[in-house]
Amino acid sequence: PPRTTALKDKEATPAPAFLGGAESSLTFSVGPDVSPVA
């Protein structure tokens, strides 16, 4: 989650063909010893 609901009234652009309709994502984790700026 979340899945946005903003496009209910808009025409969606399909995901790029190389993704086969899937979404692209990047997930990251920053450790506890890292400052907000870093």
PDB file of all heavy atoms in Angstrom:
ATOM      1  N   PRO A   1       0.844  -1.187   0.000  1.00  0.00           N
ATOM      2  CA  PRO A   1       0.000   0.000   0.000  1.00  0.00           C
ATOM      3  C   PRO A   1       0.878   1.235   0.000  1.00  0.00           C
ATOM      4  O   PRO A   1       2.029   1.151   0.389  1.00  0.00           O
ATOM      5  CB  PRO A   1      -0.784  -0.088   1.303  1.00  0.00           C
ATOM      6  CG  PRO A   1      -0.456  -1.391   1.920  1.00  0.00           C
ATOM      7  CD  PRO A   1       0.723  -1.957   1.208  1.00  0.00           C
ATOM      8  N   PRO A   2       0.434   2.363  -0.361  1.00  0.00           N
ATOM      9  CA  PRO A   2      -0.926   2.597  -0.788  1.00  0.00           C
ATOM     10  C   PRO A   2      -1.049   2.551  -2.299  1.00  0.00           C
ATOM     11  O   PRO A   2      -0.070   2.722  -3.004  1.00  0.00           O
ATOM     12  CB  PRO A   2      -1.181   4.009  -0.290  1.00  0.00           C
ATOM     13  CG  PRO A   2       0.146   4.672  -0.468  1.00  0.00           C
ATOM     14  CD  PRO A   2       1.176   3.611  -0.166  1.00  0.00           C
ATOM     15  N   ARG A   3      -2.215   2.322  -2.745  1.00  0.00           N
ATOM     16  CA  ARG A   3      -2.559   2.486  -4.153  1.00  0.00           C
ATOM     17  C   ARG A   3      -3.313   3.792  -4.245  1.00  0.00           C
ATOM     18  O   ARG A   3      -4.261   4.025  -3.515  1.00  0.00           O
ATOM     19  CB  ARG A   3      -3.485   1.356  -4.631  1.00  0.00           C
ATOM     20  CG  ARG A   3      -2.810   0.032  -4.651  1.00  0.00           C
ATOM     21  CD  ARG A   3      -1.858  -0.001  -5.793  1.00  0.00           C
ATOM     22  NE  ARG A   3      -1.291  -1.332  -5.890  1.00  0.00           N
ATOM     23  CZ  ARG A   3      -0.356  -1.629  -6.743  1.00  0.00           C
ATOM     24  NH1 ARG A   3       0.117  -0.730  -7.551  1.00  0.00           N
ATOM     25  NH2 ARG A   3       0.129  -2.833  -6.790  1.00  0.00           N
ATOM     26  N   THR A   4      -2.889   4.659  -5.117  1.00  0.00           N
ATOM     27  CA  THR A   4      -3.559   5.948  -5.221  1.00  0.00           C
ATOM     28  C   THR A   4      -4.927   5.790  -5.875  1.00  0.00           C
ATOM     29  O   THR A   4      -5.146   4.925  -6.695  1.00  0.00           O
ATOM     30  CB  THR A   4      -2.702   6.954  -6.004  1.00  0.00           C
ATOM     31  OG1 THR A   4      -3.372   8.205  -5.991  1.00  0.00           O
ATOM     32  CG2 THR A   4      -2.459   6.540  -7.427  1.00  0.00           C
ATOM     33  N   THR A   5      -5.846   6.633  -5.474  1.00  0.00           N
ATOM     34  CA  THR A   5      -7.190   6.626  -6.057  1.00  0.00           C
ATOM     35  C   THR A   5      -7.418   7.851  -6.927  1.00  0.00           C
ATOM     36  O   THR A   5      -8.510   8.074  -7.412  1.00  0.00           O
ATOM     37  CB  THR A   5      -8.255   6.610  -4.945  1.00  0.00           C
ATOM     38  OG1 THR A   5      -8.045   7.749  -4.103  1.00  0.00           O
ATOM     39  CG2 THR A   5      -8.178   5.336  -4.127  1.00  0.00           C
ATOM     40  N   ALA A   6      -6.386   8.650  -7.127  1.00  0.00           N
ATOM     41  CA  ALA A   6      -6.533   9.921  -7.836  1.00  0.00           C
ATOM     42  C   ALA A   6      -6.948   9.753  -9.283  1.00  0.00           C
ATOM     43  O   ALA A   6      -7.504  10.660  -9.873  1.00  0.00           O
ATOM     44  CB  ALA A   6      -5.235  10.711  -7.777  1.00  0.00           C
ATOM     45  N   LEU A   7      -6.721   8.593  -9.885  1.00  0.00           N
ATOM     46  CA  LEU A   7      -6.980   8.451 -11.310  1.00  0.00           C
ATOM     47  C   LEU A   7      -8.369   7.942 -11.650  1.00  0.00           C
ATOM     48  O   LEU A   7      -8.641   7.646 -12.791  1.00  0.00           O
ATOM     49  CB  LEU A   7      -5.956   7.503 -11.929  1.00  0.00           C
ATOM     50  CG  LEU A   7      -4.669   8.176 -12.329  1.00  0.00           C
ATOM     51  CD1 LEU A   7      -3.843   7.247 -13.184  1.00  0.00           C
ATOM     52  CD2 LEU A   7      -4.888   9.466 -13.051  1.00  0.00           C
ATOM     53  N   LYS A   8      -9.260   7.878 -10.707  1.00  0.00           N
ATOM     54  CA  LYS A   8     -10.603   7.387 -11.012  1.00  0.00           C
ATOM     55  C   LYS A   8     -11.268   8.187 -12.134  1.00  0.00           C
ATOM     56  O   LYS A   8     -11.997   7.643 -12.925  1.00  0.00           O
ATOM     57  CB  LYS A   8     -11.478   7.418  -9.759  1.00  0.00           C
ATOM     58  CG  LYS A   8     -11.119   6.339  -8.779  1.00  0.00           C
ATOM     59  CD  LYS A   8     -12.047   6.361  -7.609  1.00  0.00           C
ATOM     60  CE  LYS A   8     -11.701   5.241  -6.656  1.00  0.00           C
ATOM     61  NZ  LYS A   8     -12.516   5.245  -5.469  1.00  0.00           N
ATOM     62  N   ASP A   9     -10.987   9.494 -12.174  1.00  0.00           N
ATOM     63  CA  ASP A   9     -11.615  10.341 -13.181  1.00  0.00           C
ATOM     64  C   ASP A   9     -10.689  10.700 -14.335  1.00  0.00           C
ATOM     65  O   ASP A   9     -11.037  11.481 -15.178  1.00  0.00           O
ATOM     66  CB  ASP A   9     -12.102  11.643 -12.534  1.00  0.00           C
ATOM     67  CG  ASP A   9     -13.099  11.375 -11.433  1.00  0.00           C
ATOM     68  OD1 ASP A   9     -13.883  10.415 -11.574  1.00  0.00           O
ATOM     69  OD2 ASP A   9     -13.083  12.108 -10.437  1.00  0.00           O
ATOM     70  N   LYS A  10      -9.503  10.123 -14.353  1.00  0.00           N
ATOM     71  CA  LYS A  10      -8.533  10.454 -15.397  1.00  0.00           C
ATOM     72  C   LYS A  10      -8.176   9.215 -16.190  1.00  0.00           C
ATOM     73  O   LYS A  10      -8.314   8.103 -15.732  1.00  0.00           O
ATOM     74  CB  LYS A  10      -7.255  11.021 -14.766  1.00  0.00           C
ATOM     75  CG  LYS A  10      -7.483  12.298 -13.986  1.00  0.00           C
ATOM     76  CD  LYS A  10      -6.188  12.761 -13.378  1.00  0.00           C
ATOM     77  CE  LYS A  10      -6.403  13.990 -12.510  1.00  0.00           C
ATOM     78  NZ  LYS A  10      -5.177  14.399 -11.851  1.00  0.00           N
ATOM     79  N   GLU A  11      -7.668   9.439 -17.386  1.00  0.00           N
ATOM     80  CA  GLU A  11      -7.213   8.330 -18.219  1.00  0.00           C
ATOM     81  C   GLU A  11      -5.777   7.977 -17.827  1.00  0.00           C
ATOM     82  O   GLU A  11      -4.892   8.816 -17.823  1.00  0.00           O
ATOM     83  CB  GLU A  11      -7.267   8.756 -19.683  1.00  0.00           C
ATOM     84  CG  GLU A  11      -6.907   7.651 -20.635  1.00  0.00           C
ATOM     85  CD  GLU A  11      -7.067   8.104 -22.075  1.00  0.00           C
ATOM     86  OE1 GLU A  11      -8.068   8.746 -22.384  1.00  0.00           O
ATOM     87  OE2 GLU A  11      -6.164   7.803 -22.860  1.00  0.00           O
ATOM     88  N   ALA A  12      -5.539   6.740 -17.449  1.00  0.00           N
ATOM     89  CA  ALA A  12      -4.212   6.309 -17.008  1.00  0.00           C
ATOM     90  C   ALA A  12      -3.333   5.953 -18.197  1.00  0.00           C
ATOM     91  O   ALA A  12      -3.801   5.397 -19.179  1.00  0.00           O
ATOM     92  CB  ALA A  12      -4.336   5.094 -16.090  1.00  0.00           C
ATOM     93  N   THR A  13      -2.068   6.287 -18.092  1.00  0.00           N
ATOM     94  CA  THR A  13      -1.078   5.873 -19.070  1.00  0.00           C
ATOM     95  C   THR A  13      -0.605   4.489 -18.655  1.00  0.00           C
ATOM     96  O   THR A  13      -0.264   4.288 -17.500  1.00  0.00           O
ATOM     97  CB  THR A  13       0.116   6.841 -19.072  1.00  0.00           C
ATOM     98  OG1 THR A  13      -0.371   8.156 -19.301  1.00  0.00           O
ATOM     99  CG2 THR A  13       1.130   6.463 -20.120  1.00  0.00           C
ATOM    100  N   PRO A  14      -0.583   3.522 -19.564  1.00  0.00           N
ATOM    101  CA  PRO A  14      -0.144   2.184 -19.161  1.00  0.00           C
ATOM    102  C   PRO A  14       1.328   2.168 -18.800  1.00  0.00           C
ATOM    103  O   PRO A  14       2.097   3.022 -19.233  1.00  0.00           O
ATOM    104  CB  PRO A  14      -0.411   1.339 -20.412  1.00  0.00           C
ATOM    105  CG  PRO A  14      -0.450   2.313 -21.537  1.00  0.00           C
ATOM    106  CD  PRO A  14      -0.930   3.614 -20.969  1.00  0.00           C
ATOM    107  N   ALA A  15       1.708   1.182 -17.986  1.00  0.00           N
ATOM    108  CA  ALA A  15       3.122   1.009 -17.632  1.00  0.00           C
ATOM    109  C   ALA A  15       3.900   0.697 -18.901  1.00  0.00           C
ATOM    110  O   ALA A  15       3.351   0.183 -19.868  1.00  0.00           O
ATOM    111  CB  ALA A  15       3.259  -0.126 -16.626  1.00  0.00           C
ATOM    112  N   PRO A  16       5.188   1.016 -18.920  1.00  0.00           N
ATOM    113  CA  PRO A  16       6.000   0.711 -20.099  1.00  0.00           C
ATOM    114  C   PRO A  16       5.906  -0.765 -20.470  1.00  0.00           C
ATOM    115  O   PRO A  16       5.792  -1.630 -19.604  1.00  0.00           O
ATOM    116  CB  PRO A  16       7.416   1.076 -19.644  1.00  0.00           C
ATOM    117  CG  PRO A  16       7.228   2.056 -18.538  1.00  0.00           C
ATOM    118  CD  PRO A  16       5.937   1.672 -17.874  1.00  0.00           C
ATOM    119  N   ALA A  17       5.982  -1.037 -21.762  1.00  0.00           N
ATOM    120  CA  ALA A  17       5.796  -2.404 -22.261  1.00  0.00           C
ATOM    121  C   ALA A  17       6.779  -3.400 -21.656  1.00  0.00           C
ATOM    122  O   ALA A  17       6.419  -4.539 -21.396  1.00  0.00           O
ATOM    123  CB  ALA A  17       5.917  -2.411 -23.779  1.00  0.00           C
ATOM    124  N   PHE A  18       8.039  -2.974 -21.405  1.00  0.00           N
ATOM    125  CA  PHE A  18       9.013  -3.922 -20.886  1.00  0.00           C
ATOM    126  C   PHE A  18       8.655  -4.413 -19.486  1.00  0.00           C
ATOM    127  O   PHE A  18       9.179  -5.393 -19.014  1.00  0.00           O
ATOM    128  CB  PHE A  18      10.420  -3.332 -20.899  1.00  0.00           C
ATOM    129  CG  PHE A  18      10.678  -2.291 -19.838  1.00  0.00           C
ATOM    130  CD1 PHE A  18      11.160  -2.661 -18.593  1.00  0.00           C
ATOM    131  CD2 PHE A  18      10.453  -0.952 -20.094  1.00  0.00           C
ATOM    132  CE1 PHE A  18      11.404  -1.705 -17.618  1.00  0.00           C
ATOM    133  CE2 PHE A  18      10.692   0.001 -19.134  1.00  0.00           C
ATOM    134  CZ  PHE A  18      11.171  -0.371 -17.891  1.00  0.00           C
ATOM    135  N   LEU A  19       7.735  -3.710 -18.816  1.00  0.00           N
ATOM    136  CA  LEU A  19       7.323  -4.138 -17.481  1.00  0.00           C
ATOM    137  C   LEU A  19       6.165  -5.121 -17.527  1.00  0.00           C
ATOM    138  O   LEU A  19       5.804  -5.680 -16.501  1.00  0.00           O
ATOM    139  CB  LEU A  19       6.913  -2.931 -16.636  1.00  0.00           C
ATOM    140  CG  LEU A  19       8.024  -1.954 -16.306  1.00  0.00           C
ATOM    141  CD1 LEU A  19       7.459  -0.766 -15.545  1.00  0.00           C
ATOM    142  CD2 LEU A  19       9.121  -2.619 -15.513  1.00  0.00           C
ATOM    143  N   GLY A  20       5.579  -5.302 -18.676  1.00  0.00           N
ATOM    144  CA  GLY A  20       4.457  -6.223 -18.780  1.00  0.00           C
ATOM    145  C   GLY A  20       3.287  -5.831 -17.903  1.00  0.00           C
ATOM    146  O   GLY A  20       2.583  -6.670 -17.371  1.00  0.00           O
ATOM    147  N   GLY A  21       3.064  -4.525 -17.723  1.00  0.00           N
ATOM    148  CA  GLY A  21       1.950  -4.047 -16.925  1.00  0.00           C
ATOM    149  C   GLY A  21       2.252  -3.967 -15.440  1.00  0.00           C
ATOM    150  O   GLY A  21       1.423  -3.544 -14.666  1.00  0.00           O
ATOM    151  N   ALA A  22       3.419  -4.377 -15.014  1.00  0.00           N
ATOM    152  CA  ALA A  22       3.779  -4.320 -13.595  1.00  0.00           C
ATOM    153  C   ALA A  22       4.329  -2.941 -13.268  1.00  0.00           C
ATOM    154  O   ALA A  22       4.679  -2.182 -14.145  1.00  0.00           O
ATOM    155  CB  ALA A  22       4.827  -5.383 -13.288  1.00  0.00           C
ATOM    156  N   GLU A  23       4.424  -2.652 -11.988  1.00  0.00           N
ATOM    157  CA  GLU A  23       5.003  -1.384 -11.586  1.00  0.00           C
ATOM    158  C   GLU A  23       6.496  -1.549 -11.344  1.00  0.00           C
ATOM    159  O   GLU A  23       6.979  -2.636 -11.071  1.00  0.00           O
ATOM    160  CB  GLU A  23       4.319  -0.851 -10.339  1.00  0.00           C
ATOM    161  CG  GLU A  23       4.647  -1.599  -9.097  1.00  0.00           C
ATOM    162  CD  GLU A  23       3.923  -1.051  -7.885  1.00  0.00           C
ATOM    163  OE1 GLU A  23       2.927  -0.333  -8.038  1.00  0.00           O
ATOM    164  OE2 GLU A  23       4.376  -1.362  -6.791  1.00  0.00           O
ATOM    165  N   SER A  24       7.213  -0.448 -11.460  1.00  0.00           N
ATOM    166  CA  SER A  24       8.628  -0.413 -11.140  1.00  0.00           C
ATOM    167  C   SER A  24       8.762   0.220  -9.770  1.00  0.00           C
ATOM    168  O   SER A  24       8.070   1.186  -9.468  1.00  0.00           O
ATOM    169  CB  SER A  24       9.378   0.446 -12.154  1.00  0.00           C
ATOM    170  OG  SER A  24       9.294  -0.121 -13.423  1.00  0.00           O
ATOM    171  N   SER A  25       9.648  -0.306  -8.943  1.00  0.00           N
ATOM    172  CA  SER A  25       9.789   0.271  -7.615  1.00  0.00           C
ATOM    173  C   SER A  25      11.211   0.158  -7.098  1.00  0.00           C
ATOM    174  O   SER A  25      11.978  -0.702  -7.520  1.00  0.00           O
ATOM    175  CB  SER A  25       8.830  -0.401  -6.639  1.00  0.00           C
ATOM    176  OG  SER A  25       9.181  -1.751  -6.435  1.00  0.00           O
ATOM    177  N   LEU A  26      11.520   1.051  -6.189  1.00  0.00           N
ATOM    178  CA  LEU A  26      12.782   1.058  -5.477  1.00  0.00           C
ATOM    179  C   LEU A  26      12.430   1.117  -4.000  1.00  0.00           C
ATOM    180  O   LEU A  26      11.659   1.985  -3.588  1.00  0.00           O
ATOM    181  CB  LEU A  26      13.607   2.280  -5.871  1.00  0.00           C
ATOM    182  CG  LEU A  26      14.851   2.505  -5.021  1.00  0.00           C
ATOM    183  CD1 LEU A  26      16.079   2.189  -5.858  1.00  0.00           C
ATOM    184  CD2 LEU A  26      14.907   3.923  -4.550  1.00  0.00           C
ATOM    185  N   THR A  27      12.951   0.200  -3.217  1.00  0.00           N
ATOM    186  CA  THR A  27      12.717   0.167  -1.785  1.00  0.00           C
ATOM    187  C   THR A  27      14.053   0.401  -1.097  1.00  0.00           C
ATOM    188  O   THR A  27      15.063  -0.151  -1.515  1.00  0.00           O
ATOM    189  CB  THR A  27      12.144  -1.203  -1.365  1.00  0.00           C
ATOM    190  OG1 THR A  27      10.959  -1.450  -2.118  1.00  0.00           O
ATOM    191  CG2 THR A  27      11.804  -1.228   0.108  1.00  0.00           C
ATOM    192  N   PHE A  28      14.050   1.223  -0.066  1.00  0.00           N
ATOM    193  CA  PHE A  28      15.290   1.509   0.636  1.00  0.00           C
ATOM    194  C   PHE A  28      15.076   1.537   2.142  1.00  0.00           C
ATOM    195  O   PHE A  28      13.959   1.699   2.623  1.00  0.00           O
ATOM    196  CB  PHE A  28      15.912   2.831   0.164  1.00  0.00           C
ATOM    197  CG  PHE A  28      15.039   4.042   0.393  1.00  0.00           C
ATOM    198  CD1 PHE A  28      15.114   4.757   1.584  1.00  0.00           C
ATOM    199  CD2 PHE A  28      14.160   4.465  -0.580  1.00  0.00           C
ATOM    200  CE1 PHE A  28      14.313   5.878   1.792  1.00  0.00           C
ATOM    201  CE2 PHE A  28      13.360   5.582  -0.390  1.00  0.00           C
ATOM    202  CZ  PHE A  28      13.439   6.288   0.809  1.00  0.00           C
ATOM    203  N   SER A  29      16.170   1.351   2.864  1.00  0.00           N
ATOM    204  CA  SER A  29      16.170   1.404   4.321  1.00  0.00           C
ATOM    205  C   SER A  29      17.411   2.150   4.758  1.00  0.00           C
ATOM    206  O   SER A  29      18.504   1.904   4.240  1.00  0.00           O
ATOM    207  CB  SER A  29      16.180  -0.023   4.890  1.00  0.00           C
ATOM    208  OG  SER A  29      16.320   0.002   6.291  1.00  0.00           O
ATOM    209  N   VAL A  30      17.250   3.079   5.688  1.00  0.00           N
ATOM    210  CA  VAL A  30      18.359   3.855   6.215  1.00  0.00           C
ATOM    211  C   VAL A  30      18.462   3.544   7.702  1.00  0.00           C
ATOM    212  O   VAL A  30      17.475   3.630   8.424  1.00  0.00           O
ATOM    213  CB  VAL A  30      18.150   5.368   5.995  1.00  0.00           C
ATOM    214  CG1 VAL A  30      19.305   6.166   6.559  1.00  0.00           C
ATOM    215  CG2 VAL A  30      17.951   5.675   4.519  1.00  0.00           C
ATOM    216  N   GLY A  31      19.654   3.194   8.145  1.00  0.00           N
ATOM    217  CA  GLY A  31      19.873   2.773   9.526  1.00  0.00           C
ATOM    218  C   GLY A  31      19.724   3.878  10.557  1.00  0.00           C
ATOM    219  O   GLY A  31      19.668   5.065  10.223  1.00  0.00           O
ATOM    220  N   PRO A  32      19.707   3.485  11.818  1.00  0.00           N
ATOM    221  CA  PRO A  32      19.456   4.423  12.917  1.00  0.00           C
ATOM    222  C   PRO A  32      20.590   5.412  13.170  1.00  0.00           C
ATOM    223  O   PRO A  32      20.374   6.465  13.750  1.00  0.00           O
ATOM    224  CB  PRO A  32      19.257   3.512  14.127  1.00  0.00           C
ATOM    225  CG  PRO A  32      19.973   2.259  13.790  1.00  0.00           C
ATOM    226  CD  PRO A  32      19.865   2.116  12.290  1.00  0.00           C
ATOM    227  N   ASP A  33      21.793   5.097  12.716  1.00  0.00           N
ATOM    228  CA  ASP A  33      22.938   5.960  12.977  1.00  0.00           C
ATOM    229  C   ASP A  33      23.108   7.071  11.941  1.00  0.00           C
ATOM    230  O   ASP A  33      24.042   7.858  12.013  1.00  0.00           O
ATOM    231  CB  ASP A  33      24.218   5.123  13.043  1.00  0.00           C
ATOM    232  CG  ASP A  33      24.445   4.316  11.775  1.00  0.00           C
ATOM    233  OD1 ASP A  33      23.457   4.007  11.084  1.00  0.00           O
ATOM    234  OD2 ASP A  33      25.609   3.988  11.475  1.00  0.00           O
ATOM    235  N   VAL A  34      22.194   7.171  11.012  1.00  0.00           N
ATOM    236  CA  VAL A  34      22.295   8.143   9.921  1.00  0.00           C
ATOM    237  C   VAL A  34      21.487   9.401  10.276  1.00  0.00           C
ATOM    238  O   VAL A  34      20.326   9.311  10.674  1.00  0.00           O
ATOM    239  CB  VAL A  34      21.776   7.524   8.603  1.00  0.00           C
ATOM    240  CG1 VAL A  34      21.823   8.527   7.475  1.00  0.00           C
ATOM    241  CG2 VAL A  34      22.589   6.288   8.258  1.00  0.00           C
ATOM    242  N   SER A  35      22.105  10.561  10.116  1.00  0.00           N
ATOM    243  CA  SER A  35      21.436  11.833  10.412  1.00  0.00           C
ATOM    244  C   SER A  35      20.335  12.100   9.385  1.00  0.00           C
ATOM    245  O   SER A  35      20.368  11.548   8.274  1.00  0.00           O
ATOM    246  CB  SER A  35      22.447  12.978  10.383  1.00  0.00           C
ATOM    247  OG  SER A  35      22.842  13.252   9.040  1.00  0.00           O
ATOM    248  N   PRO A  36      19.372  12.972   9.724  1.00  0.00           N
ATOM    249  CA  PRO A  36      18.332  13.324   8.736  1.00  0.00           C
ATOM    250  C   PRO A  36      18.906  13.863   7.426  1.00  0.00           C
ATOM    251  O   PRO A  36      18.429  13.516   6.349  1.00  0.00           O
ATOM    252  CB  PRO A  36      17.492  14.377   9.466  1.00  0.00           C
ATOM    253  CG  PRO A  36      17.623  13.999  10.912  1.00  0.00           C
ATOM    254  CD  PRO A  36      19.060  13.541  11.045  1.00  0.00           C
ATOM    255  N   VAL A  37      19.946  14.681   7.490  1.00  0.00           N
ATOM    256  CA  VAL A  37      20.542  15.235   6.270  1.00  0.00           C
ATOM    257  C   VAL A  37      21.156  14.125   5.430  1.00  0.00           C
ATOM    258  O   VAL A  37      20.957  14.059   4.208  1.00  0.00           O
ATOM    259  CB  VAL A  37      21.587  16.327   6.605  1.00  0.00           C
ATOM    260  CG1 VAL A  37      22.370  16.735   5.368  1.00  0.00           C
ATOM    261  CG2 VAL A  37      20.914  17.529   7.235  1.00  0.00           C
ATOM    262  N   ALA A  38      21.897  13.225   6.070  1.00  0.00           N
ATOM    263  CA  ALA A  38      22.505  12.108   5.340  1.00  0.00           C
ATOM    264  C   ALA A  38      21.433  11.172   4.796  1.00  0.00           C
ATOM    265  O   ALA A  38      21.583  10.638   3.683  1.00  0.00           O
ATOM    266  CB  ALA A  38      23.475  11.346   6.243  1.00  0.00           C
TER     267      ALA A  38
END
